[in-house]
Full PDB file with SEQRES, HELIX, SHEET, SSBOND, CRYST1, ORIGX, SCALE, CONECT and MASTER records, all heavy atoms in Angstrom:
SEQRES   1 A   36  MET ALA ASP ALA ILE SER ARG LEU SER SER GLY ARG ARG          
SEQRES   2 A   36  ILE GLY VAL PHE ALA MET GLN LEU GLY PRO GLY THR GLU          
SEQRES   3 A   36  ASN SER TYR GLY GLY ILE ALA GLN ALA TYR                      
HELIX    1 AA1 ALA A    2  ARG A    7  1                                   6    
HELIX    2 AA2 PRO A   23  ASN A   27  1                                   5    
HELIX    3 AA3 TYR A   29  ALA A   35  1                                   7    
CRYST1    1.000    1.000    1.000  90.00  90.00  90.00 P 1           1          
ORIGX1      1.000000  0.000000  0.000000        0.00000                         
ORIGX2      0.000000  1.000000  0.000000        0.00000                         
ORIGX3      0.000000  0.000000  1.000000        0.00000                         
SCALE1      1.000000  0.000000  0.000000        0.00000                         
SCALE2      0.000000  1.000000  0.000000        0.00000                         
SCALE3      0.000000  0.000000  1.000000        0.00000                         
ATOM      1  N   MET A   1       4.329  -4.855  -0.154  1.00  0.00           N  
ATOM      2  CA  MET A   1       5.549  -4.602  -0.924  1.00  0.00           C  
ATOM      3  C   MET A   1       5.800  -3.088  -1.026  1.00  0.00           C  
ATOM      4  O   MET A   1       6.908  -2.597  -0.862  1.00  0.00           O  
ATOM      5  CB  MET A   1       5.434  -5.246  -2.296  1.00  0.00           C  
ATOM      6  CG  MET A   1       5.394  -6.806  -2.232  1.00  0.00           C  
ATOM      7  SD  MET A   1       4.893  -7.561  -3.799  1.00  0.00           S  
ATOM      8  CE  MET A   1       6.332  -7.239  -4.800  1.00  0.00           C  
ATOM      9  N   ALA A   2       4.746  -2.360  -1.393  1.00  0.00           N  
ATOM     10  CA  ALA A   2       4.846  -0.912  -1.516  1.00  0.00           C  
ATOM     11  C   ALA A   2       5.245  -0.268  -0.198  1.00  0.00           C  
ATOM     12  O   ALA A   2       6.019   0.696  -0.140  1.00  0.00           O  
ATOM     13  CB  ALA A   2       3.580  -0.315  -2.073  1.00  0.00           C  
ATOM     14  N   ASP A   3       4.675  -0.799   0.864  1.00  0.00           N  
ATOM     15  CA  ASP A   3       4.983  -0.370   2.218  1.00  0.00           C  
ATOM     16  C   ASP A   3       6.489  -0.428   2.502  1.00  0.00           C  
ATOM     17  O   ASP A   3       7.104   0.533   3.011  1.00  0.00           O  
ATOM     18  CB  ASP A   3       4.190  -1.326   3.144  1.00  0.00           C  
ATOM     19  CG  ASP A   3       4.416  -1.141   4.638  1.00  0.00           C  
ATOM     20  OD1 ASP A   3       5.524  -0.772   5.019  1.00  0.00           O  
ATOM     21  OD2 ASP A   3       3.483  -1.385   5.432  1.00  0.00           O  
ATOM     22  N   ALA A   4       7.099  -1.572   2.151  1.00  0.00           N  
ATOM     23  CA  ALA A   4       8.544  -1.731   2.430  1.00  0.00           C  
ATOM     24  C   ALA A   4       9.372  -0.752   1.592  1.00  0.00           C  
ATOM     25  O   ALA A   4      10.388  -0.198   2.074  1.00  0.00           O  
ATOM     26  CB  ALA A   4       8.968  -3.135   2.075  1.00  0.00           C  
ATOM     27  N   ILE A   5       8.946  -0.446   0.378  1.00  0.00           N  
ATOM     28  CA  ILE A   5       9.686   0.517  -0.463  1.00  0.00           C  
ATOM     29  C   ILE A   5       9.705   1.878   0.180  1.00  0.00           C  
ATOM     30  O   ILE A   5      10.717   2.541   0.210  1.00  0.00           O  
ATOM     31  CB  ILE A   5       9.021   0.556  -1.881  1.00  0.00           C  
ATOM     32  CG1 ILE A   5       9.310  -0.743  -2.634  1.00  0.00           C  
ATOM     33  CG2 ILE A   5       9.547   1.745  -2.691  1.00  0.00           C  
ATOM     34  CD1 ILE A   5       8.486  -0.918  -3.862  1.00  0.00           C  
ATOM     35  N   SER A   6       8.602   2.275   0.763  1.00  0.00           N  
ATOM     36  CA  SER A   6       8.543   3.585   1.454  1.00  0.00           C  
ATOM     37  C   SER A   6       9.390   3.571   2.718  1.00  0.00           C  
ATOM     38  O   SER A   6      10.193   4.461   2.958  1.00  0.00           O  
ATOM     39  CB  SER A   6       7.122   3.964   1.864  1.00  0.00           C  
ATOM     40  OG  SER A   6       6.340   4.271   0.706  1.00  0.00           O  
ATOM     41  N   ARG A   7       9.289   2.518   3.504  1.00  0.00           N  
ATOM     42  CA  ARG A   7      10.066   2.456   4.754  1.00  0.00           C  
ATOM     43  C   ARG A   7      11.580   2.484   4.517  1.00  0.00           C  
ATOM     44  O   ARG A   7      12.315   3.190   5.211  1.00  0.00           O  
ATOM     45  CB  ARG A   7       9.737   1.133   5.501  1.00  0.00           C  
ATOM     46  CG  ARG A   7       8.355   1.041   6.139  1.00  0.00           C  
ATOM     47  CD  ARG A   7       8.344  -0.218   6.944  1.00  0.00           C  
ATOM     48  NE  ARG A   7       7.003  -0.670   7.303  1.00  0.00           N  
ATOM     49  CZ  ARG A   7       6.690  -0.955   8.547  1.00  0.00           C  
ATOM     50  NH1 ARG A   7       7.483  -0.819   9.540  1.00  0.00           N  
ATOM     51  NH2 ARG A   7       5.434  -1.395   8.783  1.00  0.00           N  
ATOM     52  N   LEU A   8      12.015   1.686   3.549  1.00  0.00           N  
ATOM     53  CA  LEU A   8      13.440   1.471   3.397  1.00  0.00           C  
ATOM     54  C   LEU A   8      14.138   2.616   2.651  1.00  0.00           C  
ATOM     55  O   LEU A   8      15.334   2.618   2.437  1.00  0.00           O  
ATOM     56  CB  LEU A   8      13.726   0.114   2.701  1.00  0.00           C  
ATOM     57  CG  LEU A   8      13.366  -1.072   3.524  1.00  0.00           C  
ATOM     58  CD1 LEU A   8      13.595  -2.363   2.752  1.00  0.00           C  
ATOM     59  CD2 LEU A   8      14.079  -1.121   4.867  1.00  0.00           C  
ATOM     60  N   SER A   9      13.339   3.649   2.241  1.00  0.00           N  
ATOM     61  CA  SER A   9      13.941   4.849   1.702  1.00  0.00           C  
ATOM     62  C   SER A   9      13.690   6.019   2.626  1.00  0.00           C  
ATOM     63  O   SER A   9      13.949   7.158   2.246  1.00  0.00           O  
ATOM     64  CB  SER A   9      13.311   5.148   0.335  1.00  0.00           C  
ATOM     65  OG  SER A   9      11.913   5.473   0.485  1.00  0.00           O  
ATOM     66  N   SER A  10      13.272   5.706   3.845  1.00  0.00           N  
ATOM     67  CA  SER A  10      12.901   6.792   4.804  1.00  0.00           C  
ATOM     68  C   SER A  10      11.856   7.720   4.212  1.00  0.00           C  
ATOM     69  O   SER A  10      11.860   8.916   4.475  1.00  0.00           O  
ATOM     70  CB  SER A  10      14.142   7.577   5.271  1.00  0.00           C  
ATOM     71  OG  SER A  10      15.080   6.705   5.870  1.00  0.00           O  
ATOM     72  N   GLY A  11      10.970   7.189   3.373  1.00  0.00           N  
ATOM     73  CA  GLY A  11       9.946   7.975   2.742  1.00  0.00           C  
ATOM     74  C   GLY A  11      10.402   8.821   1.572  1.00  0.00           C  
ATOM     75  O   GLY A  11       9.598   9.576   0.990  1.00  0.00           O  
ATOM     76  N   ARG A  12      11.671   8.678   1.158  1.00  0.00           N  
ATOM     77  CA  ARG A  12      12.145   9.405  -0.023  1.00  0.00           C  
ATOM     78  C   ARG A  12      11.520   8.873  -1.336  1.00  0.00           C  
ATOM     79  O   ARG A  12      11.296   9.619  -2.270  1.00  0.00           O  
ATOM     80  CB  ARG A  12      13.645   9.414  -0.125  1.00  0.00           C  
ATOM     81  CG  ARG A  12      14.367  10.490   0.655  1.00  0.00           C  
ATOM     82  CD  ARG A  12      14.127  10.487   2.122  1.00  0.00           C  
ATOM     83  NE  ARG A  12      15.024  11.383   2.883  1.00  0.00           N  
ATOM     84  CZ  ARG A  12      14.977  11.526   4.186  1.00  0.00           C  
ATOM     85  NH1 ARG A  12      14.069  10.892   4.887  1.00  0.00           N  
ATOM     86  NH2 ARG A  12      15.809  12.322   4.805  1.00  0.00           N  
ATOM     87  N   ARG A  13      11.345   7.547  -1.373  1.00  0.00           N  
ATOM     88  CA  ARG A  13      10.653   6.911  -2.494  1.00  0.00           C  
ATOM     89  C   ARG A  13       9.310   6.459  -1.981  1.00  0.00           C  
ATOM     90  O   ARG A  13       9.208   5.734  -0.982  1.00  0.00           O  
ATOM     91  CB  ARG A  13      11.428   5.749  -3.044  1.00  0.00           C  
ATOM     92  CG  ARG A  13      12.743   6.038  -3.699  1.00  0.00           C  
ATOM     93  CD  ARG A  13      13.496   4.778  -4.049  1.00  0.00           C  
ATOM     94  NE  ARG A  13      12.702   3.931  -4.994  1.00  0.00           N  
ATOM     95  CZ  ARG A  13      12.985   2.642  -5.269  1.00  0.00           C  
ATOM     96  NH1 ARG A  13      14.047   2.077  -4.684  1.00  0.00           N  
ATOM     97  NH2 ARG A  13      12.292   1.985  -6.143  1.00  0.00           N  
ATOM     98  N   ILE A  14       8.230   6.855  -2.601  1.00  0.00           N  
ATOM     99  CA  ILE A  14       6.894   6.494  -2.117  1.00  0.00           C  
ATOM    100  C   ILE A  14       6.447   5.225  -2.827  1.00  0.00           C  
ATOM    101  O   ILE A  14       6.362   5.129  -4.054  1.00  0.00           O  
ATOM    102  CB  ILE A  14       5.902   7.657  -2.383  1.00  0.00           C  
ATOM    103  CG1 ILE A  14       6.359   8.912  -1.656  1.00  0.00           C  
ATOM    104  CG2 ILE A  14       4.479   7.271  -1.997  1.00  0.00           C  
ATOM    105  CD1 ILE A  14       6.379   8.794  -0.143  1.00  0.00           C  
ATOM    106  N   GLY A  15       6.071   4.219  -1.997  1.00  0.00           N  
ATOM    107  CA  GLY A  15       5.467   3.044  -2.518  1.00  0.00           C  
ATOM    108  C   GLY A  15       4.037   3.301  -3.018  1.00  0.00           C  
ATOM    109  O   GLY A  15       3.301   4.087  -2.435  1.00  0.00           O  
ATOM    110  N   VAL A  16       3.714   2.698  -4.182  1.00  0.00           N  
ATOM    111  CA  VAL A  16       2.411   2.940  -4.787  1.00  0.00           C  
ATOM    112  C   VAL A  16       1.730   1.597  -5.082  1.00  0.00           C  
ATOM    113  O   VAL A  16       2.370   0.639  -5.537  1.00  0.00           O  
ATOM    114  CB  VAL A  16       2.588   3.707  -6.142  1.00  0.00           C  
ATOM    115  CG1 VAL A  16       1.228   3.971  -6.755  1.00  0.00           C  
ATOM    116  CG2 VAL A  16       3.418   4.966  -5.937  1.00  0.00           C  
ATOM    117  N   PHE A  17       0.420   1.548  -4.822  1.00  0.00           N  
ATOM    118  CA  PHE A  17      -0.340   0.367  -5.124  1.00  0.00           C  
ATOM    119  C   PHE A  17      -1.612   0.738  -5.854  1.00  0.00           C  
ATOM    120  O   PHE A  17      -2.301   1.708  -5.478  1.00  0.00           O  
ATOM    121  CB  PHE A  17      -0.696  -0.421  -3.865  1.00  0.00           C  
ATOM    122  CG  PHE A  17      -1.428  -1.718  -4.167  1.00  0.00           C  
ATOM    123  CD1 PHE A  17      -0.731  -2.828  -4.613  1.00  0.00           C  
ATOM    124  CD2 PHE A  17      -2.815  -1.785  -4.060  1.00  0.00           C  
ATOM    125  CE1 PHE A  17      -1.421  -4.005  -4.929  1.00  0.00           C  
ATOM    126  CE2 PHE A  17      -3.481  -2.962  -4.335  1.00  0.00           C  
ATOM    127  CZ  PHE A  17      -2.791  -4.078  -4.779  1.00  0.00           C  
ATOM    128  N   ALA A  18      -1.968   0.003  -6.900  1.00  0.00           N  
ATOM    129  CA  ALA A  18      -3.195   0.261  -7.723  1.00  0.00           C  
ATOM    130  C   ALA A  18      -4.009  -1.034  -7.792  1.00  0.00           C  
ATOM    131  O   ALA A  18      -3.448  -2.086  -8.043  1.00  0.00           O  
ATOM    132  CB  ALA A  18      -2.811   0.779  -9.061  1.00  0.00           C  
ATOM    133  N   MET A  19      -5.315  -0.909  -7.691  1.00  0.00           N  
ATOM    134  CA  MET A  19      -6.180  -2.081  -7.722  1.00  0.00           C  
ATOM    135  C   MET A  19      -7.526  -1.768  -8.370  1.00  0.00           C  
ATOM    136  O   MET A  19      -7.853  -0.560  -8.586  1.00  0.00           O  
ATOM    137  CB  MET A  19      -6.427  -2.664  -6.322  1.00  0.00           C  
ATOM    138  CG  MET A  19      -7.168  -1.764  -5.307  1.00  0.00           C  
ATOM    139  SD  MET A  19      -6.175  -0.387  -4.744  1.00  0.00           S  
ATOM    140  CE  MET A  19      -6.960  -0.147  -3.133  1.00  0.00           C  
ATOM    141  N   GLN A  20      -8.271  -2.804  -8.673  1.00  0.00           N  
ATOM    142  CA  GLN A  20      -9.548  -2.639  -9.382  1.00  0.00           C  
ATOM    143  C   GLN A  20     -10.607  -2.132  -8.378  1.00  0.00           C  
ATOM    144  O   GLN A  20     -10.476  -2.232  -7.167  1.00  0.00           O  
ATOM    145  CB  GLN A  20      -9.978  -3.942  -9.999  1.00  0.00           C  
ATOM    146  CG  GLN A  20     -10.295  -5.059  -9.009  1.00  0.00           C  
ATOM    147  CD  GLN A  20     -10.851  -6.288  -9.670  1.00  0.00           C  
ATOM    148  OE1 GLN A  20     -11.741  -6.217 -10.514  1.00  0.00           O  
ATOM    149  NE2 GLN A  20     -10.326  -7.449  -9.268  1.00  0.00           N  
ATOM    150  N   LEU A  21     -11.672  -1.639  -8.959  1.00  0.00           N  
ATOM    151  CA  LEU A  21     -12.782  -1.189  -8.129  1.00  0.00           C  
ATOM    152  C   LEU A  21     -13.523  -2.388  -7.492  1.00  0.00           C  
ATOM    153  O   LEU A  21     -13.298  -3.551  -7.858  1.00  0.00           O  
ATOM    154  CB  LEU A  21     -13.786  -0.353  -8.932  1.00  0.00           C  
ATOM    155  CG  LEU A  21     -14.439  -0.926 -10.198  1.00  0.00           C  
ATOM    156  CD1 LEU A  21     -15.577  -1.839  -9.911  1.00  0.00           C  
ATOM    157  CD2 LEU A  21     -14.881   0.181 -11.135  1.00  0.00           C  
ATOM    158  N   GLY A  22     -14.365  -2.132  -6.555  1.00  0.00           N  
ATOM    159  CA  GLY A  22     -15.166  -3.178  -5.921  1.00  0.00           C  
ATOM    160  C   GLY A  22     -14.350  -4.113  -5.104  1.00  0.00           C  
ATOM    161  O   GLY A  22     -13.639  -3.744  -4.164  1.00  0.00           O  
ATOM    162  N   PRO A  23     -14.347  -5.458  -5.457  1.00  0.00           N  
ATOM    163  CA  PRO A  23     -13.683  -6.455  -4.643  1.00  0.00           C  
ATOM    164  C   PRO A  23     -12.201  -6.212  -4.443  1.00  0.00           C  
ATOM    165  O   PRO A  23     -11.651  -6.548  -3.393  1.00  0.00           O  
ATOM    166  CB  PRO A  23     -13.960  -7.753  -5.390  1.00  0.00           C  
ATOM    167  CG  PRO A  23     -14.344  -7.385  -6.765  1.00  0.00           C  
ATOM    168  CD  PRO A  23     -15.037  -6.029  -6.649  1.00  0.00           C  
ATOM    169  N   GLY A  24     -11.496  -5.750  -5.488  1.00  0.00           N  
ATOM    170  CA  GLY A  24     -10.092  -5.514  -5.353  1.00  0.00           C  
ATOM    171  C   GLY A  24      -9.792  -4.428  -4.288  1.00  0.00           C  
ATOM    172  O   GLY A  24      -8.874  -4.575  -3.441  1.00  0.00           O  
ATOM    173  N   THR A  25     -10.639  -3.438  -4.225  1.00  0.00           N  
ATOM    174  CA  THR A  25     -10.456  -2.378  -3.212  1.00  0.00           C  
ATOM    175  C   THR A  25     -10.866  -2.912  -1.833  1.00  0.00           C  
ATOM    176  O   THR A  25     -10.186  -2.636  -0.831  1.00  0.00           O  
ATOM    177  CB  THR A  25     -11.352  -1.159  -3.610  1.00  0.00           C  
ATOM    178  OG1 THR A  25     -10.981  -0.703  -4.911  1.00  0.00           O  
ATOM    179  CG2 THR A  25     -11.108  -0.005  -2.629  1.00  0.00           C  
ATOM    180  N   GLU A  26     -11.929  -3.696  -1.780  1.00  0.00           N  
ATOM    181  CA  GLU A  26     -12.349  -4.303  -0.524  1.00  0.00           C  
ATOM    182  C   GLU A  26     -11.257  -5.195   0.043  1.00  0.00           C  
ATOM    183  O   GLU A  26     -10.965  -5.157   1.255  1.00  0.00           O  
ATOM    184  CB  GLU A  26     -13.626  -5.067  -0.713  1.00  0.00           C  
ATOM    185  CG  GLU A  26     -14.820  -4.198  -1.092  1.00  0.00           C  
ATOM    186  CD  GLU A  26     -15.967  -5.011  -1.696  1.00  0.00           C  
ATOM    187  OE1 GLU A  26     -16.077  -6.239  -1.455  1.00  0.00           O  
ATOM    188  OE2 GLU A  26     -16.764  -4.411  -2.467  1.00  0.00           O  
ATOM    189  N   ASN A  27     -10.612  -6.007  -0.819  1.00  0.00           N  
ATOM    190  CA  ASN A  27      -9.568  -6.890  -0.377  1.00  0.00           C  
ATOM    191  C   ASN A  27      -8.341  -6.174   0.155  1.00  0.00           C  
ATOM    192  O   ASN A  27      -7.521  -6.763   0.831  1.00  0.00           O  
ATOM    193  CB  ASN A  27      -9.107  -7.811  -1.518  1.00  0.00           C  
ATOM    194  CG  ASN A  27     -10.155  -8.886  -1.860  1.00  0.00           C  
ATOM    195  OD1 ASN A  27     -11.079  -9.132  -1.075  1.00  0.00           O  
ATOM    196  ND2 ASN A  27      -9.998  -9.471  -3.026  1.00  0.00           N  
ATOM    197  N   SER A  28      -8.200  -4.908  -0.208  1.00  0.00           N  
ATOM    198  CA  SER A  28      -7.019  -4.134   0.148  1.00  0.00           C  
ATOM    199  C   SER A  28      -7.082  -3.529   1.538  1.00  0.00           C  
ATOM    200  O   SER A  28      -6.064  -3.026   2.036  1.00  0.00           O  
ATOM    201  CB  SER A  28      -6.838  -3.008  -0.868  1.00  0.00           C  
ATOM    202  OG  SER A  28      -6.712  -3.481  -2.178  1.00  0.00           O  
ATOM    203  N   TYR A  29      -8.234  -3.608   2.169  1.00  0.00           N  
ATOM    204  CA  TYR A  29      -8.459  -2.888   3.404  1.00  0.00           C  
ATOM    205  C   TYR A  29      -7.416  -3.229   4.506  1.00  0.00           C  
ATOM    206  O   TYR A  29      -6.854  -2.344   5.117  1.00  0.00           O  
ATOM    207  CB  TYR A  29      -9.862  -3.164   3.934  1.00  0.00           C  
ATOM    208  CG  TYR A  29     -10.314  -2.207   5.033  1.00  0.00           C  
ATOM    209  CD1 TYR A  29     -11.086  -1.077   4.711  1.00  0.00           C  
ATOM    210  CD2 TYR A  29     -10.010  -2.403   6.368  1.00  0.00           C  
ATOM    211  CE1 TYR A  29     -11.505  -0.198   5.679  1.00  0.00           C  
ATOM    212  CE2 TYR A  29     -10.399  -1.530   7.344  1.00  0.00           C  
ATOM    213  CZ  TYR A  29     -11.133  -0.428   7.033  1.00  0.00           C  
ATOM    214  OH  TYR A  29     -11.552   0.450   7.967  1.00  0.00           O  
ATOM    215  N   GLY A  30      -7.146  -4.545   4.691  1.00  0.00           N  
ATOM    216  CA  GLY A  30      -6.255  -4.957   5.735  1.00  0.00           C  
ATOM    217  C   GLY A  30      -4.806  -4.427   5.557  1.00  0.00           C  
ATOM    218  O   GLY A  30      -4.170  -4.009   6.501  1.00  0.00           O  
ATOM    219  N   GLY A  31      -4.351  -4.423   4.310  1.00  0.00           N  
ATOM    220  CA  GLY A  31      -2.974  -3.923   4.048  1.00  0.00           C  
ATOM    221  C   GLY A  31      -2.890  -2.449   4.283  1.00  0.00           C  
ATOM    222  O   GLY A  31      -1.849  -1.971   4.825  1.00  0.00           O  
ATOM    223  N   ILE A  32      -3.898  -1.695   3.936  1.00  0.00           N  
ATOM    224  CA  ILE A  32      -3.896  -0.235   4.130  1.00  0.00           C  
ATOM    225  C   ILE A  32      -3.960   0.068   5.623  1.00  0.00           C  
ATOM    226  O   ILE A  32      -3.292   0.936   6.113  1.00  0.00           O  
ATOM    227  CB  ILE A  32      -5.040   0.418   3.357  1.00  0.00           C  
ATOM    228  CG1 ILE A  32      -4.851   0.196   1.841  1.00  0.00           C  
ATOM    229  CG2 ILE A  32      -5.120   1.929   3.633  1.00  0.00           C  
ATOM    230  CD1 ILE A  32      -6.082   0.536   1.018  1.00  0.00           C  
ATOM    231  N   ALA A  33      -4.834  -0.672   6.311  1.00  0.00           N  
ATOM    232  CA  ALA A  33      -4.944  -0.514   7.786  1.00  0.00           C  
ATOM    233  C   ALA A  33      -3.642  -0.814   8.490  1.00  0.00           C  
ATOM    234  O   ALA A  33      -3.256  -0.099   9.416  1.00  0.00           O  
ATOM    235  CB  ALA A  33      -6.052  -1.424   8.305  1.00  0.00           C  
ATOM    236  N   GLN A  34      -2.891  -1.819   7.991  1.00  0.00           N  
ATOM    237  CA  GLN A  34      -1.583  -2.130   8.574  1.00  0.00           C  
ATOM    238  C   GLN A  34      -0.635  -0.942   8.375  1.00  0.00           C  
ATOM    239  O   GLN A  34       0.067  -0.540   9.320  1.00  0.00           O  
ATOM    240  CB  GLN A  34      -1.030  -3.384   7.947  1.00  0.00           C  
ATOM    241  CG  GLN A  34       0.350  -3.805   8.511  1.00  0.00           C  
ATOM    242  CD  GLN A  34       0.238  -4.505   9.837  1.00  0.00           C  
ATOM    243  OE1 GLN A  34      -0.484  -5.506   9.963  1.00  0.00           O  
ATOM    244  NE2 GLN A  34       0.920  -4.013  10.834  1.00  0.00           N  
ATOM    245  N   ALA A  35      -0.586  -0.404   7.155  1.00  0.00           N  
ATOM    246  CA  ALA A  35       0.298   0.735   6.887  1.00  0.00           C  
ATOM    247  C   ALA A  35      -0.102   1.930   7.736  1.00  0.00           C  
ATOM    248  O   ALA A  35       0.768   2.679   8.217  1.00  0.00           O  
ATOM    249  CB  ALA A  35       0.286   1.081   5.404  1.00  0.00           C  
ATOM    250  N   TYR A  36      -1.382   2.122   7.925  1.00  0.00           N  
ATOM    251  CA  TYR A  36      -1.825   3.221   8.738  1.00  0.00           C  
ATOM    252  C   TYR A  36      -1.396   3.060  10.206  1.00  0.00           C  
ATOM    253  O   TYR A  36      -0.906   4.030  10.845  1.00  0.00           O  
ATOM    254  CB  TYR A  36      -3.368   3.310   8.703  1.00  0.00           C  
ATOM    255  CG  TYR A  36      -3.954   4.465   9.503  1.00  0.00           C  
ATOM    256  CD1 TYR A  36      -3.825   5.793   9.032  1.00  0.00           C  
ATOM    257  CD2 TYR A  36      -4.622   4.235  10.691  1.00  0.00           C  
ATOM    258  CE1 TYR A  36      -4.374   6.822   9.780  1.00  0.00           C  
ATOM    259  CE2 TYR A  36      -5.149   5.270  11.434  1.00  0.00           C  
ATOM    260  CZ  TYR A  36      -5.055   6.552  10.980  1.00  0.00           C  
ATOM    261  OH  TYR A  36      -5.552   7.597  11.739  1.00  0.00           O  
TER     262      TYR A  36                                                      
MASTER        0    0    0    3    0    0    0    6  261    1    0    3          
END                                                                             
């Protein structure tokens, strides 16, 4: 969702995502890799 916010503003609005330490961060890996 944050990814789309950045894309559709041509990077003028930065999408932001926040998550818990440990498993929440581990679960986030695929989404961050996709954005990369």
